[in-house]
Amino acid sequence: TAVELGMPISANIYMIGGLVKLLSLVEVLDEDSTDKIIRELLPSRAID
């Protein structure tokens, strides 16, 4: 998916997405607030 979207080095970002979904489903994390944190922590370059 990272290659298809033009960012092959961002497979790690895909994996953190998978982890956040898992931990939100088991009620360890709040998904909405975690999404906000991720937006703040990702580098501004190619953020979208």
All heavy atoms as atom14 arrays in JSON, in Angstrom:
{
  "sequence": "TAVELGMPISANIYMIGGLVKLLSLVEVLDEDSTDKIIRELLPSRAID",
  "atom14_mask": [
    [1, 1, 1, 1, 1, 1, 1, 0, 0, 0, 0, 0, 0, 0],
    [1, 1, 1, 1, 1, 0, 0, 0, 0, 0, 0, 0, 0, 0],
    [1, 1, 1, 1, 1, 1, 1, 0, 0, 0, 0, 0, 0, 0],
    [1, 1, 1, 1, 1, 1, 1, 1, 1, 0, 0, 0, 0, 0],
    [1, 1, 1, 1, 1, 1, 1, 1, 0, 0, 0, 0, 0, 0],
    [1, 1, 1, 1, 0, 0, 0, 0, 0, 0, 0, 0, 0, 0],
    [1, 1, 1, 1, 1, 1, 1, 1, 0, 0, 0, 0, 0, 0],
    [1, 1, 1, 1, 1, 1, 1, 0, 0, 0, 0, 0, 0, 0],
    [1, 1, 1, 1, 1, 1, 1, 1, 0, 0, 0, 0, 0, 0],
    [1, 1, 1, 1, 1, 1, 0, 0, 0, 0, 0, 0, 0, 0],
    [1, 1, 1, 1, 1, 0, 0, 0, 0, 0, 0, 0, 0, 0],
    [1, 1, 1, 1, 1, 1, 1, 1, 0, 0, 0, 0, 0, 0],
    [1, 1, 1, 1, 1, 1, 1, 1, 0, 0, 0, 0, 0, 0],
    [1, 1, 1, 1, 1, 1, 1, 1, 1, 1, 1, 1, 0, 0],
    [1, 1, 1, 1, 1, 1, 1, 1, 0, 0, 0, 0, 0, 0],
    [1, 1, 1, 1, 1, 1, 1, 1, 0, 0, 0, 0, 0, 0],
    [1, 1, 1, 1, 0, 0, 0, 0, 0, 0, 0, 0, 0, 0],
    [1, 1, 1, 1, 0, 0, 0, 0, 0, 0, 0, 0, 0, 0],
    [1, 1, 1, 1, 1, 1, 1, 1, 0, 0, 0, 0, 0, 0],
    [1, 1, 1, 1, 1, 1, 1, 0, 0, 0, 0, 0, 0, 0],
    [1, 1, 1, 1, 1, 1, 1, 1, 1, 0, 0, 0, 0, 0],
    [1, 1, 1, 1, 1, 1, 1, 1, 0, 0, 0, 0, 0, 0],
    [1, 1, 1, 1, 1, 1, 1, 1, 0, 0, 0, 0, 0, 0],
    [1, 1, 1, 1, 1, 1, 0, 0, 0, 0, 0, 0, 0, 0],
    [1, 1, 1, 1, 1, 1, 1, 1, 0, 0, 0, 0, 0, 0],
    [1, 1, 1, 1, 1, 1, 1, 0, 0, 0, 0, 0, 0, 0],
    [1, 1, 1, 1, 1, 1, 1, 1, 1, 0, 0, 0, 0, 0],
    [1, 1, 1, 1, 1, 1, 1, 0, 0, 0, 0, 0, 0, 0],
    [1, 1, 1, 1, 1, 1, 1, 1, 0, 0, 0, 0, 0, 0],
    [1, 1, 1, 1, 1, 1, 1, 1, 0, 0, 0, 0, 0, 0],
    [1, 1, 1, 1, 1, 1, 1, 1, 1, 0, 0, 0, 0, 0],
    [1, 1, 1, 1, 1, 1, 1, 1, 0, 0, 0, 0, 0, 0],
    [1, 1, 1, 1, 1, 1, 0, 0, 0, 0, 0, 0, 0, 0],
    [1, 1, 1, 1, 1, 1, 1, 0, 0, 0, 0, 0, 0, 0],
    [1, 1, 1, 1, 1, 1, 1, 1, 0, 0, 0, 0, 0, 0],
    [1, 1, 1, 1, 1, 1, 1, 1, 1, 0, 0, 0, 0, 0],
    [1, 1, 1, 1, 1, 1, 1, 1, 0, 0, 0, 0, 0, 0],
    [1, 1, 1, 1, 1, 1, 1, 1, 0, 0, 0, 0, 0, 0],
    [1, 1, 1, 1, 1, 1, 1, 1, 1, 1, 1, 0, 0, 0],
    [1, 1, 1, 1, 1, 1, 1, 1, 1, 0, 0, 0, 0, 0],
    [1, 1, 1, 1, 1, 1, 1, 1, 0, 0, 0, 0, 0, 0],
    [1, 1, 1, 1, 1, 1, 1, 1, 0, 0, 0, 0, 0, 0],
    [1, 1, 1, 1, 1, 1, 1, 0, 0, 0, 0, 0, 0, 0],
    [1, 1, 1, 1, 1, 1, 0, 0, 0, 0, 0, 0, 0, 0],
    [1, 1, 1, 1, 1, 1, 1, 1, 1, 1, 1, 0, 0, 0],
    [1, 1, 1, 1, 1, 0, 0, 0, 0, 0, 0, 0, 0, 0],
    [1, 1, 1, 1, 1, 1, 1, 1, 0, 0, 0, 0, 0, 0],
    [1, 1, 1, 1, 1, 1, 1, 1, 0, 0, 0, 0, 0, 0]
  ],
  "atom14_positions": [
    [[0.83, -1.21, 0.0], [0.0, 0.0, 0.0], [0.86, 1.25, 0.0], [0.57, 2.23, -0.7], [-0.93, 0.0, 1.22], [-1.71, -1.19, 1.22], [-1.86, 1.21, 1.19], [0.0, 0.0, 0.0], [0.0, 0.0, 0.0], [0.0, 0.0, 0.0], [0.0, 0.0, 0.0], [0.0, 0.0, 0.0], [0.0, 0.0, 0.0], [0.0, 0.0, 0.0]],
    [[1.94, 1.25, 0.79], [2.83, 2.41, 0.84], [3.44, 2.69, -0.53], [3.55, 3.86, -0.95], [3.92, 2.2, 1.88], [0.0, 0.0, 0.0], [0.0, 0.0, 0.0], [0.0, 0.0, 0.0], [0.0, 0.0, 0.0], [0.0, 0.0, 0.0], [0.0, 0.0, 0.0], [0.0, 0.0, 0.0], [0.0, 0.0, 0.0], [0.0, 0.0, 0.0]],
    [[3.82, 1.63, -1.25], [4.36, 1.8, -2.6], [3.29, 2.35, -3.53], [3.54, 3.28, -4.32], [4.9, 0.45, -3.14], [5.19, 0.54, -4.63], [6.17, 0.05, -2.38], [0.0, 0.0, 0.0], [0.0, 0.0, 0.0], [0.0, 0.0, 0.0], [0.0, 0.0, 0.0], [0.0, 0.0, 0.0], [0.0, 0.0, 0.0], [0.0, 0.0, 0.0]],
    [[2.08, 1.79, -3.45], [0.99, 2.25, -4.32], [0.67, 3.73, -4.1], [0.28, 4.44, -5.03], [-0.25, 1.41, -4.08], [-0.13, -0.02, -4.6], [-1.31, -0.9, -4.17], [-2.13, -0.43, -3.35], [-1.39, -2.04, -4.64], [0.0, 0.0, 0.0], [0.0, 0.0, 0.0], [0.0, 0.0, 0.0], [0.0, 0.0, 0.0], [0.0, 0.0, 0.0]],
    [[0.86, 4.2, -2.86], [0.56, 5.6, -2.55], [1.78, 6.52, -2.69], [1.73, 7.7, -2.34], [-0.01, 5.7, -1.12], [-1.39, 5.05, -0.95], [-1.81, 5.05, 0.51], [-2.44, 5.77, -1.8], [0.0, 0.0, 0.0], [0.0, 0.0, 0.0], [0.0, 0.0, 0.0], [0.0, 0.0, 0.0], [0.0, 0.0, 0.0], [0.0, 0.0, 0.0]],
    [[2.87, 5.94, -3.2], [4.04, 6.76, -3.52], [4.97, 7.05, -2.37], [5.86, 7.9, -2.48], [0.0, 0.0, 0.0], [0.0, 0.0, 0.0], [0.0, 0.0, 0.0], [0.0, 0.0, 0.0], [0.0, 0.0, 0.0], [0.0, 0.0, 0.0], [0.0, 0.0, 0.0], [0.0, 0.0, 0.0], [0.0, 0.0, 0.0], [0.0, 0.0, 0.0]],
    [[4.81, 6.33, -1.24], [5.68, 6.54, -0.08], [6.16, 5.19, 0.44], [5.75, 4.74, 1.51], [4.93, 7.29, 1.02], [4.65, 8.74, 0.71], [6.13, 9.77, 0.75], [6.46, 9.79, 2.51], [0.0, 0.0, 0.0], [0.0, 0.0, 0.0], [0.0, 0.0, 0.0], [0.0, 0.0, 0.0], [0.0, 0.0, 0.0], [0.0, 0.0, 0.0]],
    [[7.05, 4.5, -0.29], [7.47, 3.15, 0.11], [8.11, 3.07, 1.48], [8.07, 2.02, 2.12], [8.45, 2.73, -0.99], [8.85, 4.01, -1.67], [7.68, 4.93, -1.55], [0.0, 0.0, 0.0], [0.0, 0.0, 0.0], [0.0, 0.0, 0.0], [0.0, 0.0, 0.0], [0.0, 0.0, 0.0], [0.0, 0.0, 0.0], [0.0, 0.0, 0.0]],
    [[8.69, 4.17, 1.98], [9.33, 4.14, 3.3], [8.32, 4.26, 4.44], [8.7, 4.2, 5.61], [10.39, 5.25, 3.44], [9.73, 6.63, 3.34], [11.5, 5.08, 2.42], [10.68, 7.77, 3.67], [0.0, 0.0, 0.0], [0.0, 0.0, 0.0], [0.0, 0.0, 0.0], [0.0, 0.0, 0.0], [0.0, 0.0, 0.0], [0.0, 0.0, 0.0]],
    [[7.04, 4.41, 4.11], [6.03, 4.65, 5.14], [5.21, 3.41, 5.51], [4.12, 3.53, 6.07], [5.1, 5.79, 4.71], [5.79, 7.02, 4.69], [0.0, 0.0, 0.0], [0.0, 0.0, 0.0], [0.0, 0.0, 0.0], [0.0, 0.0, 0.0], [0.0, 0.0, 0.0], [0.0, 0.0, 0.0], [0.0, 0.0, 0.0], [0.0, 0.0, 0.0]],
    [[5.74, 2.22, 5.22], [5.05, 1.01, 5.67], [4.92, 1.0, 7.19], [3.95, 0.45, 7.73], [5.8, -0.23, 5.19], [0.0, 0.0, 0.0], [0.0, 0.0, 0.0], [0.0, 0.0, 0.0], [0.0, 0.0, 0.0], [0.0, 0.0, 0.0], [0.0, 0.0, 0.0], [0.0, 0.0, 0.0], [0.0, 0.0, 0.0], [0.0, 0.0, 0.0]],
    [[5.88, 1.62, 7.88], [5.8, 1.67, 9.34], [4.58, 2.48, 9.8], [3.97, 2.17, 10.84], [7.09, 2.23, 9.94], [7.45, 3.62, 9.42], [6.95, 4.07, 8.39], [8.33, 4.29, 10.12], [0.0, 0.0, 0.0], [0.0, 0.0, 0.0], [0.0, 0.0, 0.0], [0.0, 0.0, 0.0], [0.0, 0.0, 0.0], [0.0, 0.0, 0.0]],
    [[4.21, 3.52, 9.05], [3.03, 4.32, 9.39], [1.77, 3.49, 9.21], [0.82, 3.6, 10.0], [2.97, 5.58, 8.51], [4.26, 6.39, 8.61], [1.76, 6.44, 8.88], [4.62, 6.83, 10.01], [0.0, 0.0, 0.0], [0.0, 0.0, 0.0], [0.0, 0.0, 0.0], [0.0, 0.0, 0.0], [0.0, 0.0, 0.0], [0.0, 0.0, 0.0]],
    [[1.76, 2.65, 8.19], [0.63, 1.74, 7.98], [0.48, 0.8, 9.17], [-0.63, 0.56, 9.66], [0.88, 0.94, 6.7], [-0.29, 0.16, 6.17], [-1.04, 0.64, 5.1], [-0.62, -1.09, 6.69], [-2.09, -0.09, 4.58], [-1.67, -1.82, 6.18], [-2.4, -1.32, 5.12], [-3.45, -2.05, 4.61], [0.0, 0.0, 0.0], [0.0, 0.0, 0.0]],
    [[1.61, 0.28, 9.66], [1.58, -0.66, 10.77], [1.11, 0.0, 12.06], [0.41, -0.63, 12.86], [2.95, -1.3, 10.95], [3.43, -2.12, 9.76], [2.35, -3.49, 9.3], [2.65, -4.63, 10.65], [0.0, 0.0, 0.0], [0.0, 0.0, 0.0], [0.0, 0.0, 0.0], [0.0, 0.0, 0.0], [0.0, 0.0, 0.0], [0.0, 0.0, 0.0]],
    [[1.48, 1.26, 12.28], [1.0, 1.94, 13.49], [-0.51, 2.14, 13.39], [-1.23, 2.07, 14.39], [1.74, 3.28, 13.74], [1.49, 3.79, 15.16], [1.33, 4.34, 12.76], [2.23, 3.11, 16.23], [0.0, 0.0, 0.0], [0.0, 0.0, 0.0], [0.0, 0.0, 0.0], [0.0, 0.0, 0.0], [0.0, 0.0, 0.0], [0.0, 0.0, 0.0]],
    [[-1.02, 2.34, 12.17], [-2.46, 2.41, 11.98], [-3.14, 1.11, 12.38], [-4.18, 1.11, 13.05], [0.0, 0.0, 0.0], [0.0, 0.0, 0.0], [0.0, 0.0, 0.0], [0.0, 0.0, 0.0], [0.0, 0.0, 0.0], [0.0, 0.0, 0.0], [0.0, 0.0, 0.0], [0.0, 0.0, 0.0], [0.0, 0.0, 0.0], [0.0, 0.0, 0.0]],
    [[-2.53, -0.01, 11.99], [-3.09, -1.31, 12.38], [-3.08, -1.49, 13.88], [-4.05, -2.0, 14.46], [0.0, 0.0, 0.0], [0.0, 0.0, 0.0], [0.0, 0.0, 0.0], [0.0, 0.0, 0.0], [0.0, 0.0, 0.0], [0.0, 0.0, 0.0], [0.0, 0.0, 0.0], [0.0, 0.0, 0.0], [0.0, 0.0, 0.0], [0.0, 0.0, 0.0]],
    [[-2.0, -1.08, 14.53], [-1.92, -1.2, 16.0], [-2.96, -0.33, 16.68], [-3.61, -0.78, 17.63], [-0.52, -0.82, 16.48], [-0.34, -0.86, 18.0], [-0.38, -2.29, 18.53], [0.96, -0.16, 18.41], [0.0, 0.0, 0.0], [0.0, 0.0, 0.0], [0.0, 0.0, 0.0], [0.0, 0.0, 0.0], [0.0, 0.0, 0.0], [0.0, 0.0, 0.0]],
    [[-3.12, 0.9, 16.23], [-4.09, 1.81, 16.85], [-5.5, 1.23, 16.73], [-6.29, 1.27, 17.69], [-4.0, 3.21, 16.22], [-5.2, 4.07, 16.62], [-2.7, 3.89, 16.62], [0.0, 0.0, 0.0], [0.0, 0.0, 0.0], [0.0, 0.0, 0.0], [0.0, 0.0, 0.0], [0.0, 0.0, 0.0], [0.0, 0.0, 0.0], [0.0, 0.0, 0.0]],
    [[-5.83, 0.67, 15.58], [-7.16, 0.07, 15.42], [-7.33, -1.11, 16.38], [-8.37, -1.24, 17.04], [-7.37, -0.37, 13.98], [-8.68, -1.09, 13.73], [-9.89, -0.25, 14.15], [-10.13, 0.91, 13.22], [-11.41, 1.6, 13.53], [0.0, 0.0, 0.0], [0.0, 0.0, 0.0], [0.0, 0.0, 0.0], [0.0, 0.0, 0.0], [0.0, 0.0, 0.0]],
    [[-6.32, -1.97, 16.48], [-6.39, -3.1, 17.4], [-6.6, -2.62, 18.83], [-7.52, -3.1, 19.53], [-5.09, -3.92, 17.32], [-4.88, -4.95, 18.44], [-5.88, -6.08, 18.34], [-3.44, -5.49, 18.41], [0.0, 0.0, 0.0], [0.0, 0.0, 0.0], [0.0, 0.0, 0.0], [0.0, 0.0, 0.0], [0.0, 0.0, 0.0], [0.0, 0.0, 0.0]],
    [[-5.78, -1.68, 19.28], [-5.84, -1.25, 20.68], [-7.1, -0.45, 20.97], [-7.55, -0.41, 22.12], [-4.59, -0.45, 21.04], [-3.27, -1.25, 21.02], [-2.1, -0.37, 21.45], [-3.34, -2.5, 21.89], [0.0, 0.0, 0.0], [0.0, 0.0, 0.0], [0.0, 0.0, 0.0], [0.0, 0.0, 0.0], [0.0, 0.0, 0.0], [0.0, 0.0, 0.0]],
    [[-7.67, 0.18, 19.97], [-8.94, 0.87, 20.2], [-10.09, -0.13, 20.3], [-11.0, 0.03, 21.13], [-9.21, 1.89, 19.1], [-9.4, 1.27, 17.84], [0.0, 0.0, 0.0], [0.0, 0.0, 0.0], [0.0, 0.0, 0.0], [0.0, 0.0, 0.0], [0.0, 0.0, 0.0], [0.0, 0.0, 0.0], [0.0, 0.0, 0.0], [0.0, 0.0, 0.0]],
    [[-10.05, -1.19, 19.5], [-11.1, -2.2, 19.55], [-11.13, -2.94, 20.89], [-12.19, -3.34, 21.36], [-10.94, -3.2, 18.41], [-11.28, -2.69, 17.01], [-10.9, -3.71, 15.94], [-12.78, -2.36, 16.9], [0.0, 0.0, 0.0], [0.0, 0.0, 0.0], [0.0, 0.0, 0.0], [0.0, 0.0, 0.0], [0.0, 0.0, 0.0], [0.0, 0.0, 0.0]],
    [[-9.96, -3.09, 21.49], [-9.9, -3.78, 22.8], [-9.94, -2.79, 23.95], [-9.7, -3.14, 25.1], [-8.67, -4.7, 22.91], [-8.74, -5.79, 21.85], [-7.36, -3.91, 22.81], [0.0, 0.0, 0.0], [0.0, 0.0, 0.0], [0.0, 0.0, 0.0], [0.0, 0.0, 0.0], [0.0, 0.0, 0.0], [0.0, 0.0, 0.0], [0.0, 0.0, 0.0]],
    [[-10.2, -1.52, 23.62], [-10.43, -0.45, 24.6], [-9.2, -0.1, 25.42], [-9.31, 0.35, 26.57], [-11.62, -0.81, 25.51], [-12.91, -1.02, 24.72], [-14.07, -1.47, 25.6], [-13.85, -1.72, 26.8], [-15.19, -1.59, 25.07], [0.0, 0.0, 0.0], [0.0, 0.0, 0.0], [0.0, 0.0, 0.0], [0.0, 0.0, 0.0], [0.0, 0.0, 0.0]],
    [[-8.01, -0.27, 24.83], [-6.79, 0.19, 25.47], [-6.53, 1.65, 25.11], [-6.02, 2.43, 25.92], [-5.59, -0.69, 25.05], [-4.26, -0.08, 25.49], [-5.74, -2.09, 25.65], [0.0, 0.0, 0.0], [0.0, 0.0, 0.0], [0.0, 0.0, 0.0], [0.0, 0.0, 0.0], [0.0, 0.0, 0.0], [0.0, 0.0, 0.0], [0.0, 0.0, 0.0]],
    [[-6.88, 2.04, 23.88], [-6.72, 3.41, 23.41], [-8.04, 3.98, 22.96], [-8.93, 3.24, 22.5], [-5.73, 3.48, 22.24], [-4.24, 3.23, 22.51], [-3.47, 3.25, 21.2], [-3.67, 4.23, 23.49], [0.0, 0.0, 0.0], [0.0, 0.0, 0.0], [0.0, 0.0, 0.0], [0.0, 0.0, 0.0], [0.0, 0.0, 0.0], [0.0, 0.0, 0.0]],
    [[-8.16, 5.3, 23.06], [-9.27, 6.01, 22.44], [-8.84, 6.4, 21.03], [-7.85, 7.11, 20.85], [-9.64, 7.26, 23.24], [-10.72, 8.07, 22.56], [-11.9, 7.67, 22.64], [-10.38, 9.08, 21.92], [0.0, 0.0, 0.0], [0.0, 0.0, 0.0], [0.0, 0.0, 0.0], [0.0, 0.0, 0.0], [0.0, 0.0, 0.0], [0.0, 0.0, 0.0]],
    [[-9.56, 5.93, 20.03], [-9.12, 6.1, 18.65], [-9.09, 7.57, 18.23], [-8.13, 8.01, 17.59], [-10.03, 5.31, 17.71], [-9.54, 5.29, 16.28], [-10.31, 4.31, 15.4], [-10.98, 3.41, 15.96], [-10.22, 4.44, 14.18], [0.0, 0.0, 0.0], [0.0, 0.0, 0.0], [0.0, 0.0, 0.0], [0.0, 0.0, 0.0], [0.0, 0.0, 0.0]],
    [[-10.09, 8.34, 18.56], [-10.15, 9.73, 18.11], [-8.99, 10.56, 18.68], [-8.33, 11.31, 17.95], [-11.49, 10.37, 18.49], [-12.65, 9.8, 17.7], [-12.41, 9.23, 16.61], [-13.8, 9.91, 18.16], [0.0, 0.0, 0.0], [0.0, 0.0, 0.0], [0.0, 0.0, 0.0], [0.0, 0.0, 0.0], [0.0, 0.0, 0.0], [0.0, 0.0, 0.0]],
    [[-8.74, 10.42, 19.97], [-7.65, 11.2, 20.57], [-6.29, 10.7, 20.08], [-5.35, 11.5, 19.92], [-7.72, 11.12, 22.1], [-7.58, 9.8, 22.56], [0.0, 0.0, 0.0], [0.0, 0.0, 0.0], [0.0, 0.0, 0.0], [0.0, 0.0, 0.0], [0.0, 0.0, 0.0], [0.0, 0.0, 0.0], [0.0, 0.0, 0.0], [0.0, 0.0, 0.0]],
    [[-6.18, 9.4, 19.8], [-4.92, 8.87, 19.27], [-4.67, 9.38, 17.86], [-3.54, 9.72, 17.49], [-4.93, 7.34, 19.29], [-5.17, 6.88, 20.62], [-3.59, 6.78, 18.8], [0.0, 0.0, 0.0], [0.0, 0.0, 0.0], [0.0, 0.0, 0.0], [0.0, 0.0, 0.0], [0.0, 0.0, 0.0], [0.0, 0.0, 0.0], [0.0, 0.0, 0.0]],
    [[-5.72, 9.47, 17.05], [-5.58, 10.03, 15.7], [-5.03, 11.45, 15.76], [-4.18, 11.85, 14.96], [-6.93, 10.04, 14.99], [-7.41, 8.66, 14.58], [-6.62, 7.7, 14.66], [-8.59, 8.54, 14.2], [0.0, 0.0, 0.0], [0.0, 0.0, 0.0], [0.0, 0.0, 0.0], [0.0, 0.0, 0.0], [0.0, 0.0, 0.0], [0.0, 0.0, 0.0]],
    [[-5.5, 12.22, 16.72], [-5.03, 13.59, 16.87], [-3.55, 13.62, 17.22], [-2.78, 14.43, 16.68], [-5.84, 14.3, 17.95], [-5.46, 15.75, 18.15], [-6.31, 16.41, 19.22], [-5.9, 17.87, 19.44], [-6.7, 18.52, 20.51], [0.0, 0.0, 0.0], [0.0, 0.0, 0.0], [0.0, 0.0, 0.0], [0.0, 0.0, 0.0], [0.0, 0.0, 0.0]],
    [[-3.13, 12.73, 18.12], [-1.71, 12.66, 18.49], [-0.86, 12.29, 17.28], [0.2, 12.88, 17.05], [-1.51, 11.64, 19.63], [-2.19, 12.13, 20.92], [-0.02, 11.38, 19.87], [-2.24, 11.09, 22.02], [0.0, 0.0, 0.0], [0.0, 0.0, 0.0], [0.0, 0.0, 0.0], [0.0, 0.0, 0.0], [0.0, 0.0, 0.0], [0.0, 0.0, 0.0]],
    [[-1.32, 11.32, 16.5], [-0.57, 10.89, 15.31], [-0.4, 12.06, 14.35], [0.69, 12.28, 13.8], [-1.28, 9.7, 14.62], [-1.19, 8.43, 15.48], [-0.7, 9.45, 13.22], [0.2, 7.85, 15.61], [0.0, 0.0, 0.0], [0.0, 0.0, 0.0], [0.0, 0.0, 0.0], [0.0, 0.0, 0.0], [0.0, 0.0, 0.0], [0.0, 0.0, 0.0]],
    [[-1.45, 12.82, 14.13], [-1.35, 13.98, 13.23], [-0.3, 14.97, 13.72], [0.42, 15.59, 12.92], [-2.71, 14.68, 13.12], [-3.76, 13.89, 12.37], [-5.02, 14.71, 12.12], [-6.11, 13.87, 11.67], [-7.07, 13.39, 12.45], [-7.06, 13.69, 13.74], [-8.01, 12.62, 11.96], [0.0, 0.0, 0.0], [0.0, 0.0, 0.0], [0.0, 0.0, 0.0]],
    [[-0.19, 15.13, 15.03], [0.78, 16.07, 15.59], [2.21, 15.54, 15.5], [3.16, 16.33, 15.4], [0.43, 16.34, 17.06], [-0.87, 17.09, 17.25], [-1.29, 17.17, 18.71], [-0.62, 16.54, 19.56], [-2.3, 17.84, 19.0], [0.0, 0.0, 0.0], [0.0, 0.0, 0.0], [0.0, 0.0, 0.0], [0.0, 0.0, 0.0], [0.0, 0.0, 0.0]],
    [[2.38, 14.21, 15.49], [3.72, 13.62, 15.55], [4.32, 13.31, 14.18], [5.54, 13.23, 14.05], [3.69, 12.34, 16.38], [3.39, 12.51, 17.88], [3.3, 11.15, 18.55], [4.46, 13.35, 18.56], [0.0, 0.0, 0.0], [0.0, 0.0, 0.0], [0.0, 0.0, 0.0], [0.0, 0.0, 0.0], [0.0, 0.0, 0.0], [0.0, 0.0, 0.0]],
    [[3.48, 13.12, 13.17], [4.02, 12.8, 11.85], [4.75, 14.01, 11.27], [4.35, 15.15, 11.48], [2.89, 12.38, 10.9], [2.27, 11.01, 11.15], [1.13, 10.77, 10.17], [3.31, 9.9, 11.01], [0.0, 0.0, 0.0], [0.0, 0.0, 0.0], [0.0, 0.0, 0.0], [0.0, 0.0, 0.0], [0.0, 0.0, 0.0], [0.0, 0.0, 0.0]],
    [[5.85, 13.77, 10.56], [6.57, 14.88, 9.93], [5.66, 15.67, 8.99], [4.78, 15.09, 8.33], [7.7, 14.18, 9.16], [7.83, 12.84, 9.79], [6.47, 12.46, 10.28], [0.0, 0.0, 0.0], [0.0, 0.0, 0.0], [0.0, 0.0, 0.0], [0.0, 0.0, 0.0], [0.0, 0.0, 0.0], [0.0, 0.0, 0.0], [0.0, 0.0, 0.0]],
    [[5.87, 16.97, 8.93], [5.02, 17.81, 8.07], [5.2, 17.49, 6.6], [4.27, 17.65, 5.81], [5.34, 19.3, 8.33], [6.71, 19.56, 8.1], [0.0, 0.0, 0.0], [0.0, 0.0, 0.0], [0.0, 0.0, 0.0], [0.0, 0.0, 0.0], [0.0, 0.0, 0.0], [0.0, 0.0, 0.0], [0.0, 0.0, 0.0], [0.0, 0.0, 0.0]],
    [[6.38, 17.0, 6.23], [6.62, 16.62, 4.84], [5.73, 15.43, 4.47], [5.72, 14.41, 5.16], [8.09, 16.26, 4.65], [8.44, 15.77, 3.25], [9.93, 15.49, 3.13], [10.27, 14.81, 1.9], [10.29, 13.49, 1.77], [9.99, 12.73, 2.81], [10.61, 12.93, 0.61], [0.0, 0.0, 0.0], [0.0, 0.0, 0.0], [0.0, 0.0, 0.0]],
    [[4.98, 15.56, 3.41], [4.1, 14.5, 2.91], [3.08, 14.07, 3.96], [2.68, 12.9, 4.0], [4.91, 13.3, 2.42], [0.0, 0.0, 0.0], [0.0, 0.0, 0.0], [0.0, 0.0, 0.0], [0.0, 0.0, 0.0], [0.0, 0.0, 0.0], [0.0, 0.0, 0.0], [0.0, 0.0, 0.0], [0.0, 0.0, 0.0], [0.0, 0.0, 0.0]],
    [[2.63, 15.0, 4.8], [1.72, 14.66, 5.88], [0.41, 14.06, 5.35], [-0.12, 13.1, 5.92], [1.43, 15.89, 6.78], [0.52, 15.53, 7.95], [0.85, 17.04, 5.98], [1.13, 14.67, 9.0], [0.0, 0.0, 0.0], [0.0, 0.0, 0.0], [0.0, 0.0, 0.0], [0.0, 0.0, 0.0], [0.0, 0.0, 0.0], [0.0, 0.0, 0.0]],
    [[-0.12, 14.6, 4.27], [-1.4, 14.11, 3.74], [-1.28, 12.66, 3.28], [-2.16, 11.84, 3.55], [-1.89, 15.0, 2.59], [-2.3, 16.38, 3.07], [-2.59, 16.52, 4.28], [-2.33, 17.31, 2.25], [0.0, 0.0, 0.0], [0.0, 0.0, 0.0], [0.0, 0.0, 0.0], [0.0, 0.0, 0.0], [0.0, 0.0, 0.0], [0.0, 0.0, 0.0]]
  ]
}
